[in-house]
Protein backbone atom coordinates (compact mmCIF):
# COMPACT_ATOMS: atom_id res chain seq x y z
CA MET A 1 -20.69 0.45 30.90
CA THR A 2 -23.09 2.82 29.12
CA LEU A 3 -22.25 6.50 29.17
CA PRO A 4 -25.16 8.88 29.85
CA CYS A 5 -26.33 10.75 26.77
CA ASN A 6 -28.34 13.95 26.66
CA PRO A 7 -30.59 13.78 23.54
CA ALA A 8 -30.54 17.58 23.13
CA VAL A 9 -26.73 17.63 23.20
CA LEU A 10 -26.56 14.75 20.74
CA ARG A 11 -28.87 16.52 18.30
CA ARG A 12 -26.85 19.72 18.62
CA ASN A 13 -23.62 17.85 17.90
CA ILE A 14 -25.13 16.17 14.85
CA VAL A 15 -26.27 19.54 13.50
CA TYR A 16 -22.77 20.93 14.11
CA LEU A 17 -21.14 18.06 12.23
CA ARG A 18 -23.49 18.54 9.29
CA ALA A 19 -22.70 22.24 9.23
CA MET A 20 -19.01 21.34 8.99
CA LEU A 21 -19.58 19.26 5.85
CA TYR A 22 -18.20 21.93 3.52
CA GLN A 23 -15.13 22.41 5.69
CA ALA A 24 -14.48 18.67 5.60
CA TYR A 25 -14.82 18.64 1.82
CA GLN A 26 -12.48 21.62 1.47
CA ALA A 27 -9.87 19.95 3.69
CA TYR A 28 -10.06 16.78 1.58
CA ALA A 29 -9.79 18.75 -1.68
CA ASP A 30 -6.75 20.64 -0.39
CA ALA A 31 -5.07 17.44 0.80
CA MET A 32 -5.58 15.80 -2.59
CA LEU A 33 -3.86 18.58 -4.57
CA PRO A 34 -0.27 17.30 -4.10
CA ILE A 35 -1.42 13.70 -4.58
CA ARG A 36 -3.06 14.54 -7.91
CA ALA A 37 0.00 16.52 -8.99
CA LEU A 38 2.13 13.45 -8.26
CA ALA A 39 -0.32 11.23 -10.14
CA GLU A 40 -0.15 13.53 -13.17
CA ALA A 41 3.65 13.37 -13.15
CA MET A 42 3.63 9.58 -12.77
CA ALA A 43 1.15 9.25 -15.65
CA ARG A 44 3.55 11.17 -17.92
CA ILE A 45 6.52 9.04 -16.82
CA ALA A 46 4.67 5.74 -17.15
CA GLY A 47 3.39 6.68 -20.59
CA ARG A 48 6.85 7.31 -22.07
CA PRO A 49 8.33 4.68 -24.38
CA TRP A 50 11.10 2.52 -22.93
CA SER A 51 14.25 2.05 -25.01
CA GLY A 52 12.60 3.50 -28.09
CA PHE A 53 9.73 0.96 -28.09
CA ASP A 54 6.03 1.56 -27.50
CA PRO A 55 5.04 1.16 -23.85
CA PHE A 56 4.21 -2.37 -22.75
CA LEU A 57 0.63 -3.21 -21.81
CA VAL A 58 1.51 -3.06 -18.10
CA GLN A 59 2.97 0.40 -18.63
CA ARG A 60 -0.13 1.61 -20.42
CA ASN A 61 -2.34 0.30 -17.61
CA MET A 62 -0.17 2.06 -15.03
CA ALA A 63 -0.33 5.32 -16.98
CA ALA A 64 -4.11 4.98 -17.30
CA ALA A 65 -4.50 4.38 -13.56
CA TRP A 66 -2.39 7.41 -12.67
CA THR A 67 -4.36 9.53 -15.17
CA LEU A 68 -7.66 8.49 -13.59
CA LEU A 69 -6.41 9.53 -10.17
CA ALA A 70 -5.12 12.85 -11.49
CA GLU A 71 -8.23 13.79 -13.46
CA THR A 72 -11.09 12.55 -11.28
CA ARG A 73 -11.73 15.78 -9.44
CA LEU A 74 -14.32 18.53 -9.21
CA THR A 75 -13.82 22.07 -10.39
CA HIS A 76 -15.67 25.13 -9.12
CA ARG A 77 -15.01 27.54 -11.97
CA ARG A 78 -17.21 27.99 -14.98
CA PRO A 79 -15.71 26.25 -18.04
CA PRO A 80 -15.45 28.41 -21.18
CA PHE A 81 -18.29 28.35 -23.67
CA GLY A 82 -15.64 28.14 -26.36
CA ILE A 83 -17.88 29.64 -29.04
CA ASP A 84 -15.66 31.88 -31.16
CA GLU A 85 -17.49 31.71 -34.48
CA THR A 86 -20.72 30.65 -36.11
CA THR A 87 -22.23 30.55 -39.58
CA VAL A 88 -24.78 33.14 -40.71
CA ALA A 89 -26.32 32.88 -44.18
CA GLY A 90 -23.55 30.51 -45.24
CA LYS A 91 -20.72 32.75 -44.07
CA SER A 92 -18.45 32.32 -41.06
CA VAL A 93 -18.69 35.20 -38.58
CA ALA A 94 -16.78 35.85 -35.36
CA VAL A 95 -18.57 35.64 -32.02
CA ALA A 96 -17.61 37.76 -29.01
CA GLU A 97 -18.83 36.78 -25.53
CA THR A 98 -19.49 39.97 -23.54
CA ALA A 99 -21.26 40.73 -20.26
CA VAL A 100 -23.83 43.48 -20.85
CA ARG A 101 -25.36 43.57 -17.36
CA THR A 102 -23.93 42.31 -14.09
CA THR A 103 -25.25 41.75 -10.58
CA PRO A 104 -23.48 39.98 -7.71
CA PHE A 105 -25.36 36.80 -8.57
CA CYS A 106 -25.50 36.83 -12.37
CA ARG A 107 -23.93 38.13 -15.57
CA LEU A 108 -26.12 38.65 -18.60
CA VAL A 109 -23.86 37.39 -21.39
CA HIS A 110 -24.32 38.42 -25.01
CA PHE A 111 -22.91 36.31 -27.82
CA ALA A 112 -22.35 39.26 -30.11
CA LYS A 113 -21.77 38.77 -33.82
CA LYS A 114 -21.94 40.84 -36.98
CA ALA A 115 -24.92 39.73 -39.01
CA ALA A 116 -26.07 41.24 -42.28
CA ALA A 117 -29.64 41.57 -41.00
CA ALA A 118 -31.23 41.95 -37.59
CA GLN A 119 -32.09 38.64 -35.93
CA PRO A 120 -34.71 37.76 -33.30
CA ARG A 121 -33.37 38.56 -29.83
CA VAL A 122 -33.58 35.63 -27.37
CA LEU A 123 -32.97 35.54 -23.62
CA LEU A 124 -31.87 32.00 -22.79
CA VAL A 125 -32.45 31.37 -19.08
CA ALA A 126 -30.01 28.78 -17.77
CA PRO A 127 -30.77 26.64 -14.72
CA MET A 128 -29.33 27.50 -11.33
CA SER A 129 -29.10 23.86 -10.34
CA GLY A 130 -25.55 22.91 -9.43
CA HIS A 131 -23.96 23.26 -12.87
CA PHE A 132 -22.87 26.34 -14.79
CA ALA A 133 -24.64 27.98 -17.73
CA THR A 134 -22.14 26.26 -20.06
CA LEU A 135 -24.38 23.20 -19.70
CA LEU A 136 -26.34 24.96 -22.48
CA ARG A 137 -23.33 25.25 -24.77
CA HIS A 138 -24.91 23.14 -27.51
CA THR A 139 -28.20 25.00 -27.13
CA VAL A 140 -26.36 28.27 -27.78
CA ARG A 141 -24.33 26.85 -30.69
CA THR A 142 -27.49 25.60 -32.38
CA MET A 143 -29.43 28.85 -32.00
CA LEU A 144 -26.65 31.33 -32.81
CA PRO A 145 -26.82 31.21 -36.62
CA ASP A 146 -30.46 32.40 -36.60
CA HIS A 147 -30.82 34.39 -33.37
CA ASP A 148 -29.25 37.13 -31.26
CA ILE A 149 -28.52 35.20 -28.04
CA TYR A 150 -28.25 36.39 -24.43
CA VAL A 151 -27.66 33.91 -21.57
CA THR A 152 -28.07 34.18 -17.80
CA ASP A 153 -24.64 33.21 -16.45
CA TRP A 154 -25.38 32.53 -12.76
CA ALA A 155 -22.56 33.01 -10.25
CA ASN A 156 -21.16 30.30 -8.00
CA ALA A 157 -22.61 31.31 -4.62
CA ARG A 158 -19.37 30.49 -2.82
CA ASP A 159 -17.76 33.37 -4.74
CA VAL A 160 -20.42 35.95 -3.80
CA PRO A 161 -19.53 38.01 -0.69
CA LEU A 162 -21.96 37.84 2.19
CA ALA A 163 -22.42 41.62 1.91
CA ALA A 164 -24.22 41.10 -1.43
CA GLY A 165 -27.27 39.97 0.54
CA ARG A 166 -29.74 37.17 0.02
CA PHE A 167 -30.77 35.50 -3.20
CA GLY A 168 -33.97 33.54 -3.09
CA PHE A 169 -36.79 32.50 -5.41
CA ASP A 170 -38.22 36.04 -5.53
CA GLU A 171 -34.81 37.48 -6.41
CA PHE A 172 -34.50 34.98 -9.26
CA ILE A 173 -37.80 36.21 -10.74
CA ALA A 174 -36.72 39.82 -10.20
CA HIS A 175 -33.52 39.19 -12.17
CA LEU A 176 -35.52 37.83 -15.12
CA ILE A 177 -37.87 40.80 -15.19
CA ASP A 178 -34.90 43.16 -14.97
CA PHE A 179 -33.09 41.43 -17.83
CA ILE A 180 -36.17 41.43 -20.07
CA GLU A 181 -36.70 45.13 -19.37
CA PHE A 182 -33.03 45.82 -20.07
CA LEU A 183 -33.12 44.00 -23.42
CA GLY A 184 -36.37 45.75 -24.31
CA PRO A 185 -39.53 44.98 -26.29
CA GLY A 186 -39.30 42.13 -28.77
CA THR A 187 -37.16 39.87 -26.56
CA HIS A 188 -38.16 36.22 -26.75
CA VAL A 189 -37.56 34.09 -23.64
CA LEU A 190 -36.51 30.45 -23.45
CA GLY A 191 -36.29 28.74 -20.03
CA VAL A 192 -34.53 25.39 -19.69
CA CYS A 193 -35.46 23.02 -16.85
CA GLN A 194 -35.70 24.48 -13.32
CA PRO A 195 -36.14 28.19 -14.31
CA ALA A 196 -39.27 27.41 -16.35
CA VAL A 197 -41.36 28.19 -13.27
CA ALA A 198 -39.65 31.54 -12.73
CA VAL A 199 -39.89 32.41 -16.44
CA LEU A 200 -43.64 31.76 -16.48
CA ALA A 201 -44.05 33.78 -13.28
CA ALA A 202 -42.01 36.72 -14.63
CA VAL A 203 -43.99 36.85 -17.88
CA ALA A 204 -47.29 36.60 -15.96
CA LEU A 205 -46.31 39.51 -13.71
CA MET A 206 -45.34 41.63 -16.72
CA ALA A 207 -48.59 40.75 -18.46
CA ALA A 208 -50.63 41.75 -15.41
CA GLU A 209 -49.32 45.31 -15.67
CA ASP A 210 -49.37 45.33 -19.49
CA HIS A 211 -45.63 45.90 -19.54
CA PRO A 212 -44.36 47.14 -22.92
CA ALA A 213 -41.48 44.64 -22.83
CA GLN A 214 -43.67 41.55 -22.56
CA PRO A 215 -41.92 38.82 -24.58
CA PRO A 216 -43.54 37.98 -27.93
CA SER A 217 -42.86 34.30 -27.21
CA MET A 218 -41.98 32.08 -24.26
CA THR A 219 -40.53 28.57 -24.62
CA LEU A 220 -40.49 26.31 -21.56
CA MET A 221 -38.34 23.20 -21.91
CA ALA A 222 -38.43 20.24 -19.50
CA GLY A 223 -39.44 22.45 -16.56
CA PRO A 224 -41.25 21.49 -13.30
CA ILE A 225 -44.39 23.58 -13.76
CA ASP A 226 -46.49 20.98 -11.89
CA THR A 227 -44.55 18.12 -10.28
CA ARG A 228 -47.77 16.48 -9.09
CA VAL A 229 -48.09 15.11 -12.63
CA ASN A 230 -46.27 11.77 -13.10
CA PRO A 231 -43.89 12.43 -10.16
CA THR A 232 -40.33 11.20 -10.69
CA ARG A 233 -37.98 9.91 -8.01
CA VAL A 234 -36.59 13.44 -7.72
CA ASP A 235 -40.09 14.80 -7.06
CA GLU A 236 -40.83 12.08 -4.52
CA LEU A 237 -37.63 12.78 -2.60
CA ALA A 238 -38.61 16.45 -2.39
CA VAL A 239 -41.88 15.68 -0.58
CA GLU A 240 -40.75 12.78 1.62
CA ARG A 241 -39.34 15.11 4.29
CA PRO A 242 -40.25 18.56 5.65
CA ILE A 243 -38.26 21.58 4.51
CA GLU A 244 -36.59 21.70 7.93
CA TRP A 245 -34.87 18.40 7.14
CA PHE A 246 -33.39 19.83 3.93
CA GLU A 247 -32.12 22.86 5.81
CA ALA A 248 -30.58 20.80 8.62
CA ASN A 249 -28.97 18.17 6.39
CA LEU A 250 -28.04 19.80 3.07
CA ILE A 251 -27.13 23.40 3.88
CA SER A 252 -23.60 24.38 4.85
CA ARG A 253 -21.50 27.52 5.20
CA VAL A 254 -18.79 28.46 2.71
CA PRO A 255 -15.26 28.02 4.18
CA LEU A 256 -13.25 31.14 5.01
CA CYS A 257 -10.85 30.63 2.08
CA HIS A 258 -13.49 31.71 -0.48
CA ALA A 259 -14.90 35.12 -1.37
CA GLY A 260 -18.35 34.07 -0.17
CA ALA A 261 -17.04 33.01 3.25
CA LEU A 262 -19.82 32.08 5.72
CA ARG A 263 -22.60 32.36 3.12
CA ARG A 264 -25.14 29.55 3.59
CA VAL A 265 -25.24 27.39 0.47
CA TYR A 266 -26.43 24.10 -0.94
CA PRO A 267 -23.02 22.80 -2.08
CA GLY A 268 -22.70 21.72 -5.68
CA PHE A 269 -20.65 18.68 -4.68
CA VAL A 270 -23.58 17.42 -2.57
CA GLN A 271 -25.97 17.65 -5.50
CA LEU A 272 -23.46 15.99 -7.83
CA ALA A 273 -23.02 13.12 -5.37
CA ALA A 274 -26.81 12.64 -5.29
CA PHE A 275 -27.08 12.64 -9.09
CA MET A 276 -24.22 10.15 -9.45
CA ALA A 277 -25.71 7.88 -6.80
CA MET A 278 -28.96 7.77 -8.77
CA ASN A 279 -27.07 6.50 -11.84
CA SER A 280 -23.99 4.89 -10.26
CA GLY A 281 -23.92 1.96 -12.65
CA ARG A 282 -23.88 4.18 -15.70
CA HIS A 283 -21.02 6.29 -14.33
CA LEU A 284 -18.96 3.22 -13.37
CA ARG A 285 -19.35 1.87 -16.90
CA ALA A 286 -18.38 5.26 -18.34
CA PHE A 287 -15.15 5.35 -16.33
CA GLY A 288 -14.46 1.74 -17.31
CA ARG A 289 -14.69 2.78 -20.96
CA TYR A 290 -12.45 5.78 -20.23
CA PHE A 291 -9.80 3.53 -18.67
CA ALA A 292 -9.90 1.27 -21.73
CA ALA A 293 -9.62 4.30 -24.02
CA LEU A 294 -6.54 5.48 -22.10
CA VAL A 295 -4.91 2.07 -22.41
CA ASP A 296 -5.75 1.75 -26.11
CA GLY A 297 -4.98 5.35 -27.02
CA ASP A 298 -8.53 5.77 -28.35
CA ALA A 299 -8.64 9.50 -29.13
CA ALA A 300 -12.35 9.51 -29.99
CA GLY A 301 -13.25 7.73 -26.76
CA LEU A 302 -11.14 10.11 -24.71
CA ALA A 303 -12.70 13.15 -26.38
CA ALA A 304 -16.22 11.84 -25.78
CA HIS A 305 -15.50 11.25 -22.09
CA HIS A 306 -14.00 14.69 -21.56
CA ALA A 307 -16.81 16.40 -23.49
CA PHE A 308 -19.28 15.14 -20.88
CA TYR A 309 -17.37 14.85 -17.60
CA ASP A 310 -15.36 18.07 -17.83
CA GLU A 311 -18.73 19.83 -17.76
CA TYR A 312 -20.41 17.41 -15.35
CA PHE A 313 -17.64 17.78 -12.75
CA ALA A 314 -17.73 21.59 -12.88
CA VAL A 315 -20.07 22.36 -9.99
CA MET A 316 -21.49 25.53 -8.48
CA ASP A 317 -23.04 26.17 -5.08
CA LEU A 318 -26.59 27.49 -4.79
CA PRO A 319 -27.62 30.17 -2.29
CA ALA A 320 -29.38 28.41 0.56
CA GLU A 321 -32.44 30.66 0.30
CA PHE A 322 -32.92 29.90 -3.38
CA TYR A 323 -32.53 26.14 -2.96
CA LEU A 324 -34.83 25.84 0.06
CA GLU A 325 -37.51 28.14 -1.37
CA THR A 326 -37.47 26.29 -4.68
CA VAL A 327 -37.91 22.93 -2.94
CA GLU A 328 -40.69 24.27 -0.73
CA ARG A 329 -42.59 26.49 -3.16
CA VAL A 330 -42.21 24.50 -6.39
CA PHE A 331 -41.89 20.86 -5.33
CA GLN A 332 -43.74 20.74 -2.00
CA ARG A 333 -46.42 23.43 -2.14
CA HIS A 334 -46.79 23.61 -5.96
CA GLU A 335 -47.66 27.28 -5.58
CA LEU A 336 -47.68 28.24 -9.26
CA ALA A 337 -49.67 25.17 -10.29
CA ARG A 338 -52.21 25.71 -7.48
CA GLY A 339 -52.60 29.42 -8.14
CA THR A 340 -51.20 30.48 -4.76
CA LEU A 341 -47.85 31.94 -5.84
CA VAL A 342 -47.27 35.49 -4.59
CA TRP A 343 -44.25 37.58 -5.59
CA ARG A 344 -43.46 40.56 -3.38
CA GLY A 345 -47.10 40.98 -2.46
CA ARG A 346 -48.41 40.47 -6.00
CA LYS A 347 -50.41 37.41 -7.02
CA VAL A 348 -48.92 35.54 -9.97
CA ASP A 349 -51.63 34.56 -12.47
CA PRO A 350 -50.49 33.02 -15.80
CA GLY A 351 -54.09 33.47 -16.98
CA ARG A 352 -53.29 37.17 -17.43
CA ILE A 353 -50.90 36.37 -20.30
CA ARG A 354 -52.51 37.42 -23.60
CA ARG A 355 -49.73 38.55 -25.94
CA THR A 356 -46.91 36.05 -25.33
CA ALA A 357 -47.05 32.91 -27.46
CA LEU A 358 -46.25 29.69 -25.55
CA LEU A 359 -44.28 26.61 -26.57
CA THR A 360 -43.78 23.77 -24.10
CA VAL A 361 -41.27 20.99 -24.82
CA GLU A 362 -40.88 17.65 -23.05
CA GLY A 363 -38.72 14.55 -23.47
CA GLU A 364 -40.36 11.16 -23.72
CA ARG A 365 -37.76 9.49 -21.47
CA ASP A 366 -37.16 12.36 -19.05
CA ASP A 367 -36.64 10.89 -15.56
CA ILE A 368 -36.06 14.30 -13.93
CA CYS A 369 -39.02 16.29 -15.27
CA ALA A 370 -41.62 13.78 -16.44
CA VAL A 371 -44.04 14.03 -19.32
CA GLY A 372 -46.97 16.28 -18.42
CA GLN A 373 -45.17 18.48 -15.90
CA THR A 374 -44.21 21.20 -18.39
CA LEU A 375 -47.38 20.69 -20.43
CA ALA A 376 -49.28 21.93 -17.35
CA ALA A 377 -48.31 25.49 -18.36
CA GLN A 378 -50.73 25.25 -21.28
CA GLU A 379 -53.72 24.99 -18.96
CA LEU A 380 -52.40 27.65 -16.58
CA CYS A 381 -52.14 30.13 -19.48
CA SER A 382 -55.92 30.11 -19.85
CA GLY A 383 -56.06 33.60 -21.32
CA LEU A 384 -53.99 32.70 -24.37
CA ALA A 385 -55.78 32.00 -27.64
CA PRO A 386 -55.33 28.39 -28.84
CA ALA A 387 -53.42 29.67 -31.87
CA LYS A 388 -50.74 31.01 -29.52
CA LYS A 389 -50.17 27.68 -27.74
CA ARG A 390 -48.00 24.84 -28.98
CA HIS A 391 -46.59 21.70 -27.40
CA HIS A 392 -43.89 19.30 -28.55
CA LEU A 393 -43.16 15.88 -27.06
CA GLN A 394 -39.75 14.74 -28.28
CA THR A 395 -39.59 10.98 -28.66
CA GLY A 396 -36.51 8.98 -27.73
CA VAL A 397 -34.78 11.54 -25.49
CA GLY A 398 -34.25 12.04 -21.78
CA HIS A 399 -33.86 15.27 -19.87
CA TYR A 400 -30.67 16.58 -21.50
CA GLY A 401 -31.73 15.46 -24.97
CA VAL A 402 -34.47 18.09 -24.94
CA PHE A 403 -31.92 20.91 -25.24
CA SER A 404 -28.68 19.23 -26.31
CA GLY A 405 -27.62 16.64 -28.84
CA ARG A 406 -28.65 15.47 -32.25
CA ARG A 407 -32.41 15.36 -31.74
CA TRP A 408 -32.46 18.77 -30.09
CA ALA A 409 -30.78 20.24 -33.16
CA SER A 410 -32.77 18.35 -35.79
CA GLU A 411 -36.23 17.95 -34.22
CA VAL A 412 -36.74 20.26 -31.23
CA TYR A 413 -34.95 23.36 -32.47
CA PRO A 414 -37.13 23.72 -35.62
CA ARG A 415 -40.17 23.98 -33.30
CA VAL A 416 -38.44 26.72 -31.30
CA CYS A 417 -37.69 28.58 -34.54
CA GLU A 418 -41.34 28.30 -35.57
CA ILE A 419 -42.73 29.83 -32.36
CA ILE A 420 -40.18 32.65 -32.43
CA GLY A 421 -40.64 33.35 -36.12
CA SER A 422 -44.44 33.28 -36.03
CA SER A 423 -44.61 35.70 -33.09
CA GLU A 424 -41.76 38.00 -34.15
CA HIS A 425 -44.04 40.69 -35.59
CA ASP A 426 -47.34 40.03 -33.80
């Protein structure tokens, strides 16, 4: 017997179930808390020596299994930067992390230090893309000895009360302009990944009104300026479906137990699941190595695993407006690249930029923001003299290698220093 089904009712029920996704996740996370606590206790018990001897191999495997269960979880709080000191002119100096400007959606964090001489001031714009600003920890560490660093520390949207209002693509650009104005003339800007579009737009808007705080230099690293160039799988997924599909399937409301209750968000755990699915084999191998390191007591292997996954599993929710507008305006309509981007009634024209030197950086093996997508900014900045434009293609690195790791520090960073140094007193 076939029960009658009203298509409209079925669609409404499906939408309702999708909207309950966050509530289902929260219920699962809450239910797992006592189980993980038990697993942590069992891991400690199983790892203890028996009768004064080292644990048997079976014991070590049991302890490793319990540890995996206890530690494989997401966190929704920003990890610490953990940068307490740096070296300036060969001397160790203390570093103090302080918030110098705060909005409901972002803290402008200053890594203050006592240096013998004034250093170039740099606003480092972190991505709002599902992970916290601490993803740029190595970027900050590398730049601190030579520069006065400020970082946009974006808030987890699930912690922002609904009364704080909306936060969309235009609000992101407004925050950047406000921060540059607050820091004042002479502030260099460096945008990593997703905010490269907003950084270029903010500088273009300031140039159009000949703003006195126009940055002397702008560095755009692995950013989607024009995703029509060499589209990656990420870019293809963004255009396969209309924006209504993204809103219906990926947006949920924050559960009542959080400060941002009922705010519409793109949950960080959804984005993390998508990223892990794209590279499932690599993650399975990584956890296999971690299990072996637990069994063998390999301290270096354990440290390497935690250095990556403690950060990777710290996720933040994005405001729904920002996520949907970014998908639609950057990846589907390509508004900046096509010259149709309008911000609060004002046309955004990178061709108006005359004073801000430009460096674009790409990674040869970047499978998120492909070669040529960031380079597109060079052509858009048609008003800049050739002497003020530079591009660097870093060989042998993927997306994260552009701003983190050995080659960032030894090969990319010197190019960043050059563009900042050469434009410091222009």
